Amino acid sequence: MITATAPLTGTPRSTGRACRHDPPCPPANAVDHAAAHIVASYPEQGWVLRCNGVITFDDRGELLPDGTTVPPSPAPTRHRIATPGNEATHG
């Protein structure tokens, strides 16, 4: 089942990019490519398709339109806040 989450509206641009959002989404080769709108979602399969052609998986891995794979990135770590009695000791 495909779930459309962001309708493509507007007129095509002459840039050759598939994104029709205004402002346009970052291209697949940009550092912030994961900020592109989701155009199809398959939560039961664990992935979404972004308008720049990037497929993002639930494990944070990615498949770029040129076939390049991006391995899953580690989950953000939680940092302990130093409170009296749990300071790290160096010795």
PDB file of N, CA and C in Angstrom:
ATOM      1  N   MET A   1       0.823  -1.171   0.000  1.00  0.00           N
ATOM      2  CA  MET A   1       0.000   0.000   0.000  1.00  0.00           C
ATOM      3  C   MET A   1       0.875   1.246   0.000  1.00  0.00           C
ATOM      4  N   ILE A   2       0.596   2.185  -0.864  1.00  0.00           N
ATOM      5  CA  ILE A   2       1.334   3.434  -0.941  1.00  0.00           C
ATOM      6  C   ILE A   2       0.532   4.511  -0.222  1.00  0.00           C
ATOM      7  N   THR A   3       1.225   5.257   0.619  1.00  0.00           N
ATOM      8  CA  THR A   3       0.584   6.351   1.311  1.00  0.00           C
ATOM      9  C   THR A   3       1.243   7.646   0.861  1.00  0.00           C
ATOM     10  N   ALA A   4       0.553   8.451   0.095  1.00  0.00           N
ATOM     11  CA  ALA A   4       1.104   9.735  -0.329  1.00  0.00           C
ATOM     12  C   ALA A   4       1.035  10.696   0.840  1.00  0.00           C
ATOM     13  N   THR A   5       2.170  11.330   1.140  1.00  0.00           N
ATOM     14  CA  THR A   5       2.202  12.221   2.288  1.00  0.00           C
ATOM     15  C   THR A   5       2.427  13.675   1.909  1.00  0.00           C
ATOM     16  N   ALA A   6       2.893  13.951   0.709  1.00  0.00           N
ATOM     17  CA  ALA A   6       3.142  15.335   0.306  1.00  0.00           C
ATOM     18  C   ALA A   6       2.809  15.464  -1.172  1.00  0.00           C
ATOM     19  N   PRO A   7       1.682  16.076  -1.495  1.00  0.00           N
ATOM     20  CA  PRO A   7       1.328  16.193  -2.905  1.00  0.00           C
ATOM     21  C   PRO A   7       2.308  17.085  -3.643  1.00  0.00           C
ATOM     22  N   LEU A   8       2.616  16.716  -4.860  1.00  0.00           N
ATOM     23  CA  LEU A   8       3.483  17.530  -5.698  1.00  0.00           C
ATOM     24  C   LEU A   8       2.614  18.560  -6.387  1.00  0.00           C
ATOM     25  N   THR A   9       2.858  19.809  -6.098  1.00  0.00           N
ATOM     26  CA  THR A   9       2.053  20.862  -6.687  1.00  0.00           C
ATOM     27  C   THR A   9       2.955  21.871  -7.362  1.00  0.00           C
ATOM     28  N   GLY A  10       2.375  22.699  -8.182  1.00  0.00           N
ATOM     29  CA  GLY A  10       3.151  23.726  -8.862  1.00  0.00           C
ATOM     30  C   GLY A  10       3.510  23.292 -10.268  1.00  0.00           C
ATOM     31  N   THR A  11       4.322  24.074 -10.899  1.00  0.00           N
ATOM     32  CA  THR A  11       4.729  23.768 -12.263  1.00  0.00           C
ATOM     33  C   THR A  11       6.146  23.251 -12.271  1.00  0.00           C
ATOM     34  N   PRO A  12       6.467  22.364 -13.203  1.00  0.00           N
ATOM     35  CA  PRO A  12       7.837  21.850 -13.260  1.00  0.00           C
ATOM     36  C   PRO A  12       8.830  22.974 -13.519  1.00  0.00           C
ATOM     37  N   ARG A  13       9.969  22.846 -12.939  1.00  0.00           N
ATOM     38  CA  ARG A  13      11.041  23.821 -13.159  1.00  0.00           C
ATOM     39  C   ARG A  13      11.942  23.324 -14.279  1.00  0.00           C
ATOM     40  N   SER A  14      12.693  24.212 -14.845  1.00  0.00           N
ATOM     41  CA  SER A  14      13.594  23.842 -15.933  1.00  0.00           C
ATOM     42  C   SER A  14      14.929  23.336 -15.407  1.00  0.00           C
ATOM     43  N   THR A  15      15.043  23.063 -14.109  1.00  0.00           N
ATOM     44  CA  THR A  15      16.298  22.623 -13.521  1.00  0.00           C
ATOM     45  C   THR A  15      16.577  21.150 -13.775  1.00  0.00           C
ATOM     46  N   GLY A  16      15.603  20.402 -14.284  1.00  0.00           N
ATOM     47  CA  GLY A  16      15.789  18.981 -14.518  1.00  0.00           C
ATOM     48  C   GLY A  16      15.551  18.143 -13.277  1.00  0.00           C
ATOM     49  N   ARG A  17      15.214  18.774 -12.169  1.00  0.00           N
ATOM     50  CA  ARG A  17      14.953  18.048 -10.937  1.00  0.00           C
ATOM     51  C   ARG A  17      13.492  17.652 -10.880  1.00  0.00           C
ATOM     52  N   ALA A  18      13.215  16.533 -10.237  1.00  0.00           N
ATOM     53  CA  ALA A  18      11.847  16.042 -10.133  1.00  0.00           C
ATOM     54  C   ALA A  18      11.042  16.797  -9.087  1.00  0.00           C
ATOM     55  N   CYS A  19      11.703  17.430  -8.135  1.00  0.00           N
ATOM     56  CA  CYS A  19      11.001  18.117  -7.052  1.00  0.00           C
ATOM     57  C   CYS A  19      10.264  19.336  -7.591  1.00  0.00           C
ATOM     58  N   ARG A  20       8.996  19.416  -7.202  1.00  0.00           N
ATOM     59  CA  ARG A  20       8.187  20.557  -7.614  1.00  0.00           C
ATOM     60  C   ARG A  20       7.765  21.397  -6.414  1.00  0.00           C
ATOM     61  N   HIS A  21       8.406  21.192  -5.274  1.00  0.00           N
ATOM     62  CA  HIS A  21       8.083  21.961  -4.084  1.00  0.00           C
ATOM     63  C   HIS A  21       8.716  23.347  -4.182  1.00  0.00           C
ATOM     64  N   ASP A  22       8.136  24.280  -3.471  1.00  0.00           N
ATOM     65  CA  ASP A  22       8.677  25.628  -3.475  1.00  0.00           C
ATOM     66  C   ASP A  22       8.875  26.057  -2.035  1.00  0.00           C
ATOM     67  N   PRO A  23      10.096  26.237  -1.574  1.00  0.00           N
ATOM     68  CA  PRO A  23      11.352  26.107  -2.302  1.00  0.00           C
ATOM     69  C   PRO A  23      11.669  24.643  -2.581  1.00  0.00           C
ATOM     70  N   PRO A  24      12.505  24.396  -3.587  1.00  0.00           N
ATOM     71  CA  PRO A  24      12.802  23.005  -3.952  1.00  0.00           C
ATOM     72  C   PRO A  24      13.548  22.268  -2.838  1.00  0.00           C
ATOM     73  N   CYS A  25      13.304  20.985  -2.759  1.00  0.00           N
ATOM     74  CA  CYS A  25      13.985  20.142  -1.782  1.00  0.00           C
ATOM     75  C   CYS A  25      15.446  19.969  -2.180  1.00  0.00           C
ATOM     76  N   PRO A  26      16.301  19.644  -1.210  1.00  0.00           N
ATOM     77  CA  PRO A  26      17.708  19.424  -1.536  1.00  0.00           C
ATOM     78  C   PRO A  26      17.871  18.205  -2.441  1.00  0.00           C
ATOM     79  N   PRO A  27      18.811  18.254  -3.375  1.00  0.00           N
ATOM     80  CA  PRO A  27      19.034  17.104  -4.253  1.00  0.00           C
ATOM     81  C   PRO A  27      19.630  15.920  -3.489  1.00  0.00           C
ATOM     82  N   ALA A  28      19.619  14.761  -4.116  1.00  0.00           N
ATOM     83  CA  ALA A  28      20.079  13.531  -3.475  1.00  0.00           C
ATOM     84  C   ALA A  28      21.550  13.589  -3.080  1.00  0.00           C
ATOM     85  N   ASN A  29      22.359  14.400  -3.770  1.00  0.00           N
ATOM     86  CA  ASN A  29      23.787  14.454  -3.450  1.00  0.00           C
ATOM     87  C   ASN A  29      24.123  15.553  -2.446  1.00  0.00           C
ATOM     88  N   ALA A  30      23.120  16.246  -1.906  1.00  0.00           N
ATOM     89  CA  ALA A  30      23.355  17.287  -0.900  1.00  0.00           C
ATOM     90  C   ALA A  30      23.502  16.668   0.486  1.00  0.00           C
ATOM     91  N   VAL A  31      24.220  17.341   1.341  1.00  0.00           N
ATOM     92  CA  VAL A  31      24.422  16.861   2.711  1.00  0.00           C
ATOM     93  C   VAL A  31      23.084  16.718   3.435  1.00  0.00           C
ATOM     94  N   ASP A  32      22.151  17.626   3.168  1.00  0.00           N
ATOM     95  CA  ASP A  32      20.861  17.603   3.850  1.00  0.00           C
ATOM     96  C   ASP A  32      19.760  16.947   3.018  1.00  0.00           C
ATOM     97  N   HIS A  33      20.117  15.947   2.206  1.00  0.00           N
ATOM     98  CA  HIS A  33      19.147  15.315   1.305  1.00  0.00           C
ATOM     99  C   HIS A  33      17.971  14.661   2.039  1.00  0.00           C
ATOM    100  N   ALA A  34      18.152  14.315   3.292  1.00  0.00           N
ATOM    101  CA  ALA A  34      17.065  13.680   4.050  1.00  0.00           C
ATOM    102  C   ALA A  34      15.976  14.683   4.438  1.00  0.00           C
ATOM    103  N   ALA A  35      16.181  15.957   4.147  1.00  0.00           N
ATOM    104  CA  ALA A  35      15.157  16.970   4.430  1.00  0.00           C
ATOM    105  C   ALA A  35      14.113  17.046   3.319  1.00  0.00           C
ATOM    106  N   ALA A  36      14.304  16.302   2.239  1.00  0.00           N
ATOM    107  CA  ALA A  36      13.334  16.312   1.135  1.00  0.00           C
ATOM    108  C   ALA A  36      12.003  15.733   1.589  1.00  0.00           C
ATOM    109  N   HIS A  37      10.935  16.204   0.984  1.00  0.00           N
ATOM    110  CA  HIS A  37       9.593  15.732   1.326  1.00  0.00           C
ATOM    111  C   HIS A  37       9.433  14.242   1.029  1.00  0.00           C
ATOM    112  N   ILE A  38       8.633  13.585   1.845  1.00  0.00           N
ATOM    113  CA  ILE A  38       8.288  12.181   1.622  1.00  0.00           C
ATOM    114  C   ILE A  38       7.128  12.142   0.646  1.00  0.00           C
ATOM    115  N   VAL A  39       7.294  11.384  -0.444  1.00  0.00           N
ATOM    116  CA  VAL A  39       6.231  11.289  -1.447  1.00  0.00           C
ATOM    117  C   VAL A  39       5.521   9.943  -1.409  1.00  0.00           C
ATOM    118  N   ALA A  40       6.134   8.941  -0.799  1.00  0.00           N
ATOM    119  CA  ALA A  40       5.499   7.632  -0.627  1.00  0.00           C
ATOM    120  C   ALA A  40       6.057   7.006   0.637  1.00  0.00           C
ATOM    121  N   SER A  41       5.180   6.341   1.383  1.00  0.00           N
ATOM    122  CA  SER A  41       5.590   5.747   2.644  1.00  0.00           C
ATOM    123  C   SER A  41       5.120   4.300   2.705  1.00  0.00           C
ATOM    124  N   TYR A  42       6.020   3.422   3.108  1.00  0.00           N
ATOM    125  CA  TYR A  42       5.721   2.001   3.283  1.00  0.00           C
ATOM    126  C   TYR A  42       6.105   1.612   4.712  1.00  0.00           C
ATOM    127  N   PRO A  43       5.367   2.085   5.720  1.00  0.00           N
ATOM    128  CA  PRO A  43       5.763   1.807   7.100  1.00  0.00           C
ATOM    129  C   PRO A  43       5.783   0.319   7.429  1.00  0.00           C
ATOM    130  N   GLU A  44       4.918  -0.464   6.782  1.00  0.00           N
ATOM    131  CA  GLU A  44       4.912  -1.900   7.044  1.00  0.00           C
ATOM    132  C   GLU A  44       6.166  -2.587   6.520  1.00  0.00           C
ATOM    133  N   GLN A  45       6.844  -1.942   5.563  1.00  0.00           N
ATOM    134  CA  GLN A  45       8.096  -2.475   5.034  1.00  0.00           C
ATOM    135  C   GLN A  45       9.306  -1.724   5.571  1.00  0.00           C
ATOM    136  N   GLY A  46       9.087  -0.612   6.234  1.00  0.00           N
ATOM    137  CA  GLY A  46      10.175   0.104   6.885  1.00  0.00           C
ATOM    138  C   GLY A  46      10.946   1.077   6.014  1.00  0.00           C
ATOM    139  N   TRP A  47      10.292   1.688   5.023  1.00  0.00           N
ATOM    140  CA  TRP A  47      11.016   2.661   4.210  1.00  0.00           C
ATOM    141  C   TRP A  47      10.088   3.725   3.643  1.00  0.00           C
ATOM    142  N   VAL A  48      10.714   4.857   3.260  1.00  0.00           N
ATOM    143  CA  VAL A  48       9.993   5.958   2.626  1.00  0.00           C
ATOM    144  C   VAL A  48      10.772   6.404   1.394  1.00  0.00           C
ATOM    145  N   LEU A  49      10.038   6.941   0.422  1.00  0.00           N
ATOM    146  CA  LEU A  49      10.637   7.511  -0.787  1.00  0.00           C
ATOM    147  C   LEU A  49      10.514   9.016  -0.696  1.00  0.00           C
ATOM    148  N   ARG A  50      11.626   9.699  -0.886  1.00  0.00           N
ATOM    149  CA  ARG A  50      11.639  11.158  -0.857  1.00  0.00           C
ATOM    150  C   ARG A  50      11.599  11.696  -2.283  1.00  0.00           C
ATOM    151  N   CYS A  51      11.164  12.945  -2.432  1.00  0.00           N
ATOM    152  CA  CYS A  51      10.971  13.489  -3.780  1.00  0.00           C
ATOM    153  C   CYS A  51      12.281  13.646  -4.548  1.00  0.00           C
ATOM    154  N   ASN A  52      13.414  13.578  -3.885  1.00  0.00           N
ATOM    155  CA  ASN A  52      14.693  13.650  -4.581  1.00  0.00           C
ATOM    156  C   ASN A  52      15.199  12.266  -4.988  1.00  0.00           C
ATOM    157  N   GLY A  53      14.358  11.238  -4.792  1.00  0.00           N
ATOM    158  CA  GLY A  53      14.709   9.885  -5.209  1.00  0.00           C
ATOM    159  C   GLY A  53      15.415   9.058  -4.161  1.00  0.00           C
ATOM    160  N   VAL A  54      15.705   9.616  -3.002  1.00  0.00           N
ATOM    161  CA  VAL A  54      16.376   8.897  -1.925  1.00  0.00           C
ATOM    162  C   VAL A  54      15.355   8.030  -1.196  1.00  0.00           C
ATOM    163  N   ILE A  55      15.720   6.772  -0.939  1.00  0.00           N
ATOM    164  CA  ILE A  55      14.911   5.885  -0.117  1.00  0.00           C
ATOM    165  C   ILE A  55      15.578   5.824   1.246  1.00  0.00           C
ATOM    166  N   THR A  56      14.800   6.142   2.280  1.00  0.00           N
ATOM    167  CA  THR A  56      15.306   6.122   3.649  1.00  0.00           C
ATOM    168  C   THR A  56      14.642   4.964   4.381  1.00  0.00           C
ATOM    169  N   PHE A  57      15.454   4.132   5.024  1.00  0.00           N
ATOM    170  CA  PHE A  57      14.966   2.962   5.744  1.00  0.00           C
ATOM    171  C   PHE A  57      14.840   3.262   7.228  1.00  0.00           C
ATOM    172  N   ASP A  58      13.993   2.491   7.914  1.00  0.00           N
ATOM    173  CA  ASP A  58      13.782   2.673   9.347  1.00  0.00           C
ATOM    174  C   ASP A  58      15.069   2.560  10.158  1.00  0.00           C
ATOM    175  N   ASP A  59      16.028   1.777   9.680  1.00  0.00           N
ATOM    176  CA  ASP A  59      17.283   1.623  10.423  1.00  0.00           C
ATOM    177  C   ASP A  59      18.256   2.767  10.147  1.00  0.00           C
ATOM    178  N   ARG A  60      17.777   3.791   9.420  1.00  0.00           N
ATOM    179  CA  ARG A  60      18.523   4.997   9.078  1.00  0.00           C
ATOM    180  C   ARG A  60      19.515   4.795   7.947  1.00  0.00           C
ATOM    181  N   GLY A  61      19.464   3.652   7.281  1.00  0.00           N
ATOM    182  CA  GLY A  61      20.242   3.456   6.072  1.00  0.00           C
ATOM    183  C   GLY A  61      19.528   4.120   4.913  1.00  0.00           C
ATOM    184  N   GLU A  62      20.240   4.312   3.800  1.00  0.00           N
ATOM    185  CA  GLU A  62      19.649   4.982   2.648  1.00  0.00           C
ATOM    186  C   GLU A  62      20.094   4.331   1.350  1.00  0.00           C
ATOM    187  N   LEU A  63      19.264   4.486   0.336  1.00  0.00           N
ATOM    188  CA  LEU A  63      19.587   4.079  -1.022  1.00  0.00           C
ATOM    189  C   LEU A  63      19.412   5.313  -1.890  1.00  0.00           C
ATOM    190  N   LEU A  64      20.504   5.758  -2.518  1.00  0.00           N
ATOM    191  CA  LEU A  64      20.465   6.952  -3.351  1.00  0.00           C
ATOM    192  C   LEU A  64      20.021   6.592  -4.763  1.00  0.00           C
ATOM    193  N   PRO A  65      19.523   7.556  -5.525  1.00  0.00           N
ATOM    194  CA  PRO A  65      19.004   7.262  -6.868  1.00  0.00           C
ATOM    195  C   PRO A  65      20.029   6.639  -7.815  1.00  0.00           C
ATOM    196  N   ASP A  66      21.322   6.897  -7.600  1.00  0.00           N
ATOM    197  CA  ASP A  66      22.344   6.326  -8.476  1.00  0.00           C
ATOM    198  C   ASP A  66      22.739   4.907  -8.074  1.00  0.00           C
ATOM    199  N   GLY A  67      22.067   4.353  -7.041  1.00  0.00           N
ATOM    200  CA  GLY A  67      22.349   2.996  -6.591  1.00  0.00           C
ATOM    201  C   GLY A  67      23.324   2.919  -5.429  1.00  0.00           C
ATOM    202  N   THR A  68      23.885   4.043  -5.031  1.00  0.00           N
ATOM    203  CA  THR A  68      24.799   4.078  -3.895  1.00  0.00           C
ATOM    204  C   THR A  68      24.032   3.788  -2.610  1.00  0.00           C
ATOM    205  N   THR A  69      24.608   2.947  -1.763  1.00  0.00           N
ATOM    206  CA  THR A  69      23.986   2.665  -0.474  1.00  0.00           C
ATOM    207  C   THR A  69      24.711   3.445   0.615  1.00  0.00           C
ATOM    208  N   VAL A  70      23.958   3.902   1.584  1.00  0.00           N
ATOM    209  CA  VAL A  70      24.500   4.592   2.748  1.00  0.00           C
ATOM    210  C   VAL A  70      24.157   3.722   3.943  1.00  0.00           C
ATOM    211  N   PRO A  71      25.181   3.223   4.649  1.00  0.00           N
ATOM    212  CA  PRO A  71      24.891   2.335   5.779  1.00  0.00           C
ATOM    213  C   PRO A  71      24.150   3.070   6.885  1.00  0.00           C
ATOM    214  N   PRO A  72      23.432   2.322   7.710  1.00  0.00           N
ATOM    215  CA  PRO A  72      22.711   2.945   8.824  1.00  0.00           C
ATOM    216  C   PRO A  72      23.673   3.715   9.719  1.00  0.00           C
ATOM    217  N   SER A  73      23.244   4.871  10.151  1.00  0.00           N
ATOM    218  CA  SER A  73      24.061   5.641  11.079  1.00  0.00           C
ATOM    219  C   SER A  73      23.702   5.206  12.493  1.00  0.00           C
ATOM    220  N   PRO A  74      24.663   5.292  13.394  1.00  0.00           N
ATOM    221  CA  PRO A  74      24.341   4.897  14.765  1.00  0.00           C
ATOM    222  C   PRO A  74      23.287   5.808  15.355  1.00  0.00           C
ATOM    223  N   ALA A  75      22.504   5.245  16.238  1.00  0.00           N
ATOM    224  CA  ALA A  75      21.480   6.041  16.919  1.00  0.00           C
ATOM    225  C   ALA A  75      22.151   7.095  17.788  1.00  0.00           C
ATOM    226  N   PRO A  76      21.520   8.244  17.937  1.00  0.00           N
ATOM    227  CA  PRO A  76      22.109   9.270  18.804  1.00  0.00           C
ATOM    228  C   PRO A  76      22.324   8.713  20.214  1.00  0.00           C
ATOM    229  N   THR A  77      23.416   9.110  20.809  1.00  0.00           N
ATOM    230  CA  THR A  77      23.712   8.633  22.159  1.00  0.00           C
ATOM    231  C   THR A  77      23.210   9.643  23.172  1.00  0.00           C
ATOM    232  N   ARG A  78      22.867   9.133  24.328  1.00  0.00           N
ATOM    233  CA  ARG A  78      22.456  10.009  25.415  1.00  0.00           C
ATOM    234  C   ARG A  78      23.676  10.303  26.259  1.00  0.00           C
ATOM    235  N   HIS A  79      23.813  11.547  26.616  1.00  0.00           N
ATOM    236  CA  HIS A  79      24.935  11.957  27.460  1.00  0.00           C
ATOM    237  C   HIS A  79      24.438  12.126  28.881  1.00  0.00           C
ATOM    238  N   ARG A  80      25.227  11.635  29.815  1.00  0.00           N
ATOM    239  CA  ARG A  80      24.877  11.806  31.221  1.00  0.00           C
ATOM    240  C   ARG A  80      25.186  13.220  31.641  1.00  0.00           C
ATOM    241  N   ILE A  81      24.311  13.782  32.387  1.00  0.00           N
ATOM    242  CA  ILE A  81      24.533  15.111  32.939  1.00  0.00           C
ATOM    243  C   ILE A  81      25.180  14.931  34.299  1.00  0.00           C
ATOM    244  N   ALA A  82      26.287  15.637  34.495  1.00  0.00           N
ATOM    245  CA  ALA A  82      27.000  15.528  35.768  1.00  0.00           C
ATOM    246  C   ALA A  82      26.170  16.142  36.883  1.00  0.00           C
ATOM    247  N   THR A  83      25.941  15.347  37.886  1.00  0.00           N
ATOM    248  CA  THR A  83      25.251  15.821  39.086  1.00  0.00           C
ATOM    249  C   THR A  83      26.118  15.434  40.276  1.00  0.00           C
ATOM    250  N   PRO A  84      25.959  16.106  41.384  1.00  0.00           N
ATOM    251  CA  PRO A  84      26.785  15.744  42.558  1.00  0.00           C
ATOM    252  C   PRO A  84      26.665  14.262  42.863  1.00  0.00           C
ATOM    253  N   GLY A  85      27.803  13.612  42.947  1.00  0.00           N
ATOM    254  CA  GLY A  85      27.830  12.200  43.277  1.00  0.00           C
ATOM    255  C   GLY A  85      28.048  11.286  42.082  1.00  0.00           C
ATOM    256  N   ASN A  86      27.893  11.782  40.828  1.00  0.00           N
ATOM    257  CA  ASN A  86      28.146  10.894  39.691  1.00  0.00           C
ATOM    258  C   ASN A  86      29.210  11.458  38.742  1.00  0.00           C
ATOM    259  N   GLU A  87      30.053  12.375  39.228  1.00  0.00           N
ATOM    260  CA  GLU A  87      31.112  12.913  38.390  1.00  0.00           C
ATOM    261  C   GLU A  87      32.102  11.804  38.053  1.00  0.00           C
ATOM    262  N   ALA A  88      32.663  11.887  36.877  1.00  0.00           N
ATOM    263  CA  ALA A  88      33.670  10.924  36.457  1.00  0.00           C
ATOM    264  C   ALA A  88      34.954  11.193  37.224  1.00  0.00           C
ATOM    265  N   THR A  89      35.628  10.115  37.586  1.00  0.00           N
ATOM    266  CA  THR A  89      36.903  10.276  38.266  1.00  0.00           C
ATOM    267  C   THR A  89      38.001   9.923  37.288  1.00  0.00           C
ATOM    268  N   HIS A  90      39.064  10.643  37.368  1.00  0.00           N
ATOM    269  CA  HIS A  90      40.228  10.401  36.501  1.00  0.00           C
ATOM    270  C   HIS A  90      41.370  10.001  37.410  1.00  0.00           C
ATOM    271  N   GLY A  91      42.026   8.941  37.112  1.00  0.00           N
ATOM    272  CA  GLY A  91      43.080   8.585  38.018  1.00  0.00           C
ATOM    273  C   GLY A  91      43.906   7.551  37.496  1.00  0.00           C
TER     274      GLY A  91
END
